[in-house]
Amino acid sequence: MKKKHVIPMAVLSSALLMGTVAPTQSYAISENATPSVHAQIQQSSVHKDIDNRPFFVQEKQREKYTKANEASAKAHLNKNKENYKMNDPENSLGNAEVTKDDLGMTHVKLQQEKNGVPVEGHQVTVHYDKENQVQTVNGQFNETIEQTDISTEASLSDAKGLEIAKDAVKAPEQLVESPSSNLVIYPFQDENHLAYKVNVNFLGENP
């Protein structure tokens, strides 16, 4: 049976915690784990990544700013990959989505991927305080997908997948907006499926 490795939201000014709980194929980095199963990690190994702090720049340099934060977050995860049960954060996590809140904290969200295909529902977020030091890490990461050789070559075309999806929901020819279709890896019932994630919007007979 596969085990679910839980790393609670790691408050790094105190310590990084980790442990194991009920069987499943993914492991969560969250704040809801049971304290009794945690193994404490020394804060000196994960705190104050001074050389990998995020940078704040003007809007015209947004891309450079995002890449700097992405590199910082991945460097932190790579430095502590054994704690987070990751083999290769650099290649298993995609481009960053970076936000900054009213408290001055920076949040760097990274999408798990396999050969460039996103894993549905699996992201890892590295949170920085206003002094740009890592404070917490949380999210969902599928260790099995990272370690398994999974084909990401679709047997159906994007157009065929869209046609099947429209038939499945009995969508009319006239849609509210153009449908979207994206190839994803979809973990379901202890198996990982290559699938098209299709969004079809239309007005039904009932409100």
C-alpha atoms as a PDB file:
ATOM      1  CA  MET A   1       0.000   0.000   0.000  1.00  0.00           C
ATOM      2  CA  LYS A   2       1.195   3.512  -0.742  1.00  0.00           C
ATOM      3  CA  LYS A   3       1.693   5.903   2.146  1.00  0.00           C
ATOM      4  CA  LYS A   4       0.636   9.493   2.378  1.00  0.00           C
ATOM      5  CA  HIS A   5       3.564  11.583   3.586  1.00  0.00           C
ATOM      6  CA  VAL A   6       2.373  14.661   5.422  1.00  0.00           C
ATOM      7  CA  ILE A   7       4.466  17.745   5.940  1.00  0.00           C
ATOM      8  CA  PRO A   8       2.373  20.260   7.884  1.00  0.00           C
ATOM      9  CA  MET A   9       2.568  23.962   7.108  1.00  0.00           C
ATOM     10  CA  ALA A  10       6.162  24.439   8.197  1.00  0.00           C
ATOM     11  CA  VAL A  11       6.600  27.482  10.429  1.00  0.00           C
ATOM     12  CA  LEU A  12      10.302  27.746   9.848  1.00  0.00           C
ATOM     13  CA  SER A  13      10.914  30.302  12.557  1.00  0.00           C
ATOM     14  CA  SER A  14      10.157  27.398  14.917  1.00  0.00           C
ATOM     15  CA  ALA A  15      10.918  24.191  13.028  1.00  0.00           C
ATOM     16  CA  LEU A  16      10.019  22.109  10.020  1.00  0.00           C
ATOM     17  CA  LEU A  17       7.799  19.123  10.791  1.00  0.00           C
ATOM     18  CA  MET A  18       7.063  15.951   8.832  1.00  0.00           C
ATOM     19  CA  GLY A  19       5.519  12.518   9.264  1.00  0.00           C
ATOM     20  CA  THR A  20       3.313   9.809   7.758  1.00  0.00           C
ATOM     21  CA  VAL A  21      -0.388   9.032   7.941  1.00  0.00           C
ATOM     22  CA  ALA A  22      -3.013   7.001   6.056  1.00  0.00           C
ATOM     23  CA  PRO A  23      -2.285   5.211   2.721  1.00  0.00           C
ATOM     24  CA  THR A  24      -2.632   7.065  -0.589  1.00  0.00           C
ATOM     25  CA  GLN A  25      -0.448   7.892  -3.591  1.00  0.00           C
ATOM     26  CA  SER A  26       0.104  11.582  -2.873  1.00  0.00           C
ATOM     27  CA  TYR A  27       1.508  13.425   0.084  1.00  0.00           C
ATOM     28  CA  ALA A  28       0.270  16.686   1.430  1.00  0.00           C
ATOM     29  CA  ILE A  29       2.197  19.612   2.774  1.00  0.00           C
ATOM     30  CA  SER A  30      -0.460  21.057   5.035  1.00  0.00           C
ATOM     31  CA  GLU A  31      -1.262  22.447   8.437  1.00  0.00           C
ATOM     32  CA  ASN A  32      -3.719  19.731   9.466  1.00  0.00           C
ATOM     33  CA  ALA A  33      -1.437  16.833  10.385  1.00  0.00           C
ATOM     34  CA  THR A  34      -1.453  15.142  13.795  1.00  0.00           C
ATOM     35  CA  PRO A  35       1.449  16.452  15.950  1.00  0.00           C
ATOM     36  CA  SER A  36       2.185  13.011  17.452  1.00  0.00           C
ATOM     37  CA  VAL A  37       3.438  11.616  14.126  1.00  0.00           C
ATOM     38  CA  HIS A  38       5.844  14.433  13.326  1.00  0.00           C
ATOM     39  CA  ALA A  39       9.605  14.185  13.283  1.00  0.00           C
ATOM     40  CA  GLN A  40      11.194  17.541  14.027  1.00  0.00           C
ATOM     41  CA  ILE A  41      13.872  18.898  11.698  1.00  0.00           C
ATOM     42  CA  GLN A  42      16.500  21.364  12.888  1.00  0.00           C
ATOM     43  CA  GLN A  43      15.614  24.880  11.763  1.00  0.00           C
ATOM     44  CA  SER A  44      19.209  25.644  10.812  1.00  0.00           C
ATOM     45  CA  SER A  45      18.858  23.345   7.783  1.00  0.00           C
ATOM     46  CA  VAL A  46      15.855  25.149   6.312  1.00  0.00           C
ATOM     47  CA  HIS A  47      15.808  28.715   7.624  1.00  0.00           C
ATOM     48  CA  LYS A  48      17.211  31.961   6.264  1.00  0.00           C
ATOM     49  CA  ASP A  49      17.915  31.252   2.612  1.00  0.00           C
ATOM     50  CA  ILE A  50      19.463  34.713   2.403  1.00  0.00           C
ATOM     51  CA  ASP A  51      21.111  34.061  -0.952  1.00  0.00           C
ATOM     52  CA  ASN A  52      17.795  33.009  -2.488  1.00  0.00           C
ATOM     53  CA  ARG A  53      15.473  35.815  -1.449  1.00  0.00           C
ATOM     54  CA  PRO A  54      12.754  37.055  -3.799  1.00  0.00           C
ATOM     55  CA  PHE A  55      13.072  40.398  -5.517  1.00  0.00           C
ATOM     56  CA  PHE A  56      10.524  43.172  -5.960  1.00  0.00           C
ATOM     57  CA  VAL A  57      10.685  45.283  -9.120  1.00  0.00           C
ATOM     58  CA  GLN A  58       8.453  47.503 -11.225  1.00  0.00           C
ATOM     59  CA  GLU A  59       5.654  46.159 -13.422  1.00  0.00           C
ATOM     60  CA  LYS A  60       7.724  46.398 -16.620  1.00  0.00           C
ATOM     61  CA  GLN A  61      10.123  43.880 -15.101  1.00  0.00           C
ATOM     62  CA  ARG A  62       7.363  41.493 -13.994  1.00  0.00           C
ATOM     63  CA  GLU A  63       8.729  38.490 -15.877  1.00  0.00           C
ATOM     64  CA  LYS A  64      12.194  38.926 -14.393  1.00  0.00           C
ATOM     65  CA  TYR A  65      10.657  39.393 -10.941  1.00  0.00           C
ATOM     66  CA  THR A  66       8.601  36.195 -11.283  1.00  0.00           C
ATOM     67  CA  LYS A  67      11.592  34.181 -12.490  1.00  0.00           C
ATOM     68  CA  ALA A  68      13.684  35.426  -9.562  1.00  0.00           C
ATOM     69  CA  ASN A  69      11.024  34.332  -7.086  1.00  0.00           C
ATOM     70  CA  GLU A  70      10.603  31.002  -8.878  1.00  0.00           C
ATOM     71  CA  ALA A  71      14.342  30.353  -8.707  1.00  0.00           C
ATOM     72  CA  SER A  72      14.340  31.273  -5.012  1.00  0.00           C
ATOM     73  CA  ALA A  73      11.457  28.923  -4.181  1.00  0.00           C
ATOM     74  CA  LYS A  74      12.901  26.022  -6.166  1.00  0.00           C
ATOM     75  CA  ALA A  75      16.304  26.541  -4.573  1.00  0.00           C
ATOM     76  CA  HIS A  76      14.713  26.278  -1.133  1.00  0.00           C
ATOM     77  CA  LEU A  77      12.778  23.123  -2.059  1.00  0.00           C
ATOM     78  CA  ASN A  78      15.859  21.560  -3.650  1.00  0.00           C
ATOM     79  CA  LYS A  79      17.935  22.335  -0.576  1.00  0.00           C
ATOM     80  CA  ASN A  80      15.337  20.555   1.585  1.00  0.00           C
ATOM     81  CA  LYS A  81      14.024  17.998  -0.921  1.00  0.00           C
ATOM     82  CA  GLU A  82      14.477  15.051   1.445  1.00  0.00           C
ATOM     83  CA  ASN A  83      12.243  16.760   4.013  1.00  0.00           C
ATOM     84  CA  TYR A  84       9.582  17.453   1.373  1.00  0.00           C
ATOM     85  CA  LYS A  85       9.860  13.994  -0.257  1.00  0.00           C
ATOM     86  CA  MET A  86      10.872  15.390  -3.640  1.00  0.00           C
ATOM     87  CA  ASN A  87      13.595  14.003  -5.884  1.00  0.00           C
ATOM     88  CA  ASP A  88      13.897  16.805  -8.437  1.00  0.00           C
ATOM     89  CA  PRO A  89      11.913  19.988  -7.614  1.00  0.00           C
ATOM     90  CA  GLU A  90      13.519  21.873 -10.496  1.00  0.00           C
ATOM     91  CA  ASN A  91      12.009  19.580 -13.137  1.00  0.00           C
ATOM     92  CA  SER A  92       8.929  18.337 -11.252  1.00  0.00           C
ATOM     93  CA  LEU A  93       7.534  21.829 -10.629  1.00  0.00           C
ATOM     94  CA  GLY A  94       6.545  24.237 -13.400  1.00  0.00           C
ATOM     95  CA  ASN A  95       6.447  27.997 -13.761  1.00  0.00           C
ATOM     96  CA  ALA A  96       5.613  30.071 -10.705  1.00  0.00           C
ATOM     97  CA  GLU A  97       2.561  32.163  -9.950  1.00  0.00           C
ATOM     98  CA  VAL A  98       3.721  34.944  -7.608  1.00  0.00           C
ATOM     99  CA  THR A  99       1.517  37.131  -5.420  1.00  0.00           C
ATOM    100  CA  LYS A 100       2.184  39.581  -2.606  1.00  0.00           C
ATOM    101  CA  ASP A 101      -0.390  40.255   0.122  1.00  0.00           C
ATOM    102  CA  ASP A 102      -1.224  43.269   2.285  1.00  0.00           C
ATOM    103  CA  LEU A 103       1.055  41.976   5.067  1.00  0.00           C
ATOM    104  CA  GLY A 104       4.061  42.144   2.758  1.00  0.00           C
ATOM    105  CA  MET A 105       4.303  38.345   2.413  1.00  0.00           C
ATOM    106  CA  THR A 106       5.230  36.871  -0.962  1.00  0.00           C
ATOM    107  CA  HIS A 107       3.582  33.615  -2.057  1.00  0.00           C
ATOM    108  CA  VAL A 108       5.247  31.557  -4.791  1.00  0.00           C
ATOM    109  CA  LYS A 109       2.928  28.828  -6.124  1.00  0.00           C
ATOM    110  CA  LEU A 110       4.479  26.084  -8.239  1.00  0.00           C
ATOM    111  CA  GLN A 111       2.454  23.599 -10.301  1.00  0.00           C
ATOM    112  CA  GLN A 112       3.573  19.961 -10.217  1.00  0.00           C
ATOM    113  CA  GLU A 113       4.266  18.648 -13.728  1.00  0.00           C
ATOM    114  CA  LYS A 114       5.372  15.497 -15.544  1.00  0.00           C
ATOM    115  CA  ASN A 115       7.169  16.127 -18.822  1.00  0.00           C
ATOM    116  CA  GLY A 116       5.565  19.560 -18.875  1.00  0.00           C
ATOM    117  CA  VAL A 117       2.027  18.217 -18.304  1.00  0.00           C
ATOM    118  CA  PRO A 118       0.400  19.600 -15.118  1.00  0.00           C
ATOM    119  CA  VAL A 119      -0.775  17.233 -12.380  1.00  0.00           C
ATOM    120  CA  GLU A 120      -4.362  18.204 -11.586  1.00  0.00           C
ATOM    121  CA  GLY A 121      -4.869  19.551  -8.060  1.00  0.00           C
ATOM    122  CA  HIS A 122      -1.187  19.386  -7.109  1.00  0.00           C
ATOM    123  CA  GLN A 123       0.660  22.619  -6.322  1.00  0.00           C
ATOM    124  CA  VAL A 124       3.293  23.578  -3.774  1.00  0.00           C
ATOM    125  CA  THR A 125       3.457  27.127  -2.373  1.00  0.00           C
ATOM    126  CA  VAL A 126       6.491  28.675  -0.694  1.00  0.00           C
ATOM    127  CA  HIS A 127       5.626  31.643   1.532  1.00  0.00           C
ATOM    128  CA  TYR A 128       8.081  34.434   2.342  1.00  0.00           C
ATOM    129  CA  ASP A 129       7.722  37.008   5.111  1.00  0.00           C
ATOM    130  CA  LYS A 130       8.122  40.727   4.453  1.00  0.00           C
ATOM    131  CA  GLU A 131      11.867  40.347   5.019  1.00  0.00           C
ATOM    132  CA  ASN A 132      11.910  37.778   2.212  1.00  0.00           C
ATOM    133  CA  GLN A 133      12.772  34.766   4.326  1.00  0.00           C
ATOM    134  CA  VAL A 134      10.953  31.444   3.902  1.00  0.00           C
ATOM    135  CA  GLN A 135       8.335  31.035   6.605  1.00  0.00           C
ATOM    136  CA  THR A 136       6.030  28.218   5.463  1.00  0.00           C
ATOM    137  CA  VAL A 137       5.587  25.674   2.699  1.00  0.00           C
ATOM    138  CA  ASN A 138       2.287  23.946   1.946  1.00  0.00           C
ATOM    139  CA  GLY A 139       0.382  22.229  -0.826  1.00  0.00           C
ATOM    140  CA  GLN A 140      -0.012  18.832  -2.465  1.00  0.00           C
ATOM    141  CA  PHE A 141       2.735  16.846  -4.219  1.00  0.00           C
ATOM    142  CA  ASN A 142       2.392  13.391  -5.804  1.00  0.00           C
ATOM    143  CA  GLU A 143       5.578  11.485  -5.115  1.00  0.00           C
ATOM    144  CA  THR A 144       4.457   8.470  -7.180  1.00  0.00           C
ATOM    145  CA  ILE A 145       4.049  10.521 -10.358  1.00  0.00           C
ATOM    146  CA  GLU A 146       7.498  12.053  -9.958  1.00  0.00           C
ATOM    147  CA  GLN A 147       9.148   8.642  -9.564  1.00  0.00           C
ATOM    148  CA  THR A 148       7.138   6.677 -12.161  1.00  0.00           C
ATOM    149  CA  ASP A 149       7.687   6.620 -15.916  1.00  0.00           C
ATOM    150  CA  ILE A 150       4.302   7.866 -17.169  1.00  0.00           C
ATOM    151  CA  SER A 151       3.549   8.426 -20.848  1.00  0.00           C
ATOM    152  CA  THR A 152       2.382  11.961 -21.571  1.00  0.00           C
ATOM    153  CA  GLU A 153       1.634  11.296 -25.255  1.00  0.00           C
ATOM    154  CA  ALA A 154      -2.146  11.498 -25.750  1.00  0.00           C
ATOM    155  CA  SER A 155      -3.840   8.772 -27.809  1.00  0.00           C
ATOM    156  CA  LEU A 156      -6.655  11.194 -28.723  1.00  0.00           C
ATOM    157  CA  SER A 157      -6.345  14.555 -30.404  1.00  0.00           C
ATOM    158  CA  ASP A 158      -7.365  17.715 -28.581  1.00  0.00           C
ATOM    159  CA  ALA A 159     -10.273  18.139 -30.998  1.00  0.00           C
ATOM    160  CA  LYS A 160     -11.506  14.576 -30.401  1.00  0.00           C
ATOM    161  CA  GLY A 161     -11.313  15.049 -26.647  1.00  0.00           C
ATOM    162  CA  LEU A 162     -13.369  18.213 -26.939  1.00  0.00           C
ATOM    163  CA  GLU A 163     -15.964  16.432 -29.071  1.00  0.00           C
ATOM    164  CA  ILE A 164     -16.314  13.624 -26.512  1.00  0.00           C
ATOM    165  CA  ALA A 165     -16.665  16.116 -23.671  1.00  0.00           C
ATOM    166  CA  LYS A 166     -19.386  18.095 -25.463  1.00  0.00           C
ATOM    167  CA  ASP A 167     -21.298  14.887 -26.179  1.00  0.00           C
ATOM    168  CA  ALA A 168     -20.957  13.766 -22.549  1.00  0.00           C
ATOM    169  CA  VAL A 169     -22.683  16.899 -21.226  1.00  0.00           C
ATOM    170  CA  LYS A 170     -25.083  17.198 -24.199  1.00  0.00           C
ATOM    171  CA  ALA A 171     -23.768  20.653 -25.040  1.00  0.00           C
ATOM    172  CA  PRO A 172     -25.534  22.552 -27.855  1.00  0.00           C
ATOM    173  CA  GLU A 173     -23.713  23.816 -30.906  1.00  0.00           C
ATOM    174  CA  GLN A 174     -24.055  27.409 -29.642  1.00  0.00           C
ATOM    175  CA  LEU A 175     -21.834  27.887 -26.555  1.00  0.00           C
ATOM    176  CA  VAL A 176     -21.589  30.864 -24.184  1.00  0.00           C
ATOM    177  CA  GLU A 177     -17.879  31.116 -24.929  1.00  0.00           C
ATOM    178  CA  SER A 178     -15.232  29.129 -26.749  1.00  0.00           C
ATOM    179  CA  PRO A 179     -14.417  25.866 -24.922  1.00  0.00           C
ATOM    180  CA  SER A 180     -10.963  25.236 -23.509  1.00  0.00           C
ATOM    181  CA  SER A 181      -9.077  21.946 -23.399  1.00  0.00           C
ATOM    182  CA  ASN A 182      -5.833  21.160 -21.581  1.00  0.00           C
ATOM    183  CA  LEU A 183      -3.885  17.932 -21.233  1.00  0.00           C
ATOM    184  CA  VAL A 184      -3.400  16.968 -17.566  1.00  0.00           C
ATOM    185  CA  ILE A 185      -2.388  14.039 -15.389  1.00  0.00           C
ATOM    186  CA  TYR A 186      -5.405  13.203 -13.256  1.00  0.00           C
ATOM    187  CA  PRO A 187      -4.819  11.110 -10.089  1.00  0.00           C
ATOM    188  CA  PHE A 188      -7.953   9.059  -9.357  1.00  0.00           C
ATOM    189  CA  GLN A 189      -8.483   5.993  -7.144  1.00  0.00           C
ATOM    190  CA  ASP A 190      -4.771   5.180  -6.770  1.00  0.00           C
ATOM    191  CA  GLU A 191      -4.131   5.463 -10.511  1.00  0.00           C
ATOM    192  CA  ASN A 192      -2.735   8.314 -12.583  1.00  0.00           C
ATOM    193  CA  HIS A 193      -4.593   9.037 -15.819  1.00  0.00           C
ATOM    194  CA  LEU A 194      -3.557  11.159 -18.780  1.00  0.00           C
ATOM    195  CA  ALA A 195      -6.684  13.160 -19.622  1.00  0.00           C
ATOM    196  CA  TYR A 196      -8.049  16.246 -21.279  1.00  0.00           C
ATOM    197  CA  LYS A 197      -9.491  18.806 -18.873  1.00  0.00           C
ATOM    198  CA  VAL A 198     -12.269  20.456 -20.879  1.00  0.00           C
ATOM    199  CA  ASN A 199     -14.307  23.505 -19.927  1.00  0.00           C
ATOM    200  CA  VAL A 200     -17.608  23.856 -21.800  1.00  0.00           C
ATOM    201  CA  ASN A 201     -20.020  26.683 -20.940  1.00  0.00           C
ATOM    202  CA  PHE A 202     -23.601  26.769 -22.190  1.00  0.00           C
ATOM    203  CA  LEU A 203     -27.114  27.682 -21.071  1.00  0.00           C
ATOM    204  CA  GLY A 204     -29.252  24.694 -20.113  1.00  0.00           C
ATOM    205  CA  GLU A 205     -33.019  24.393 -20.114  1.00  0.00           C
ATOM    206  CA  ASN A 206     -33.180  25.167 -16.389  1.00  0.00           C
ATOM    207  CA  PRO A 207     -31.464  28.102 -14.628  1.00  0.00           C
END
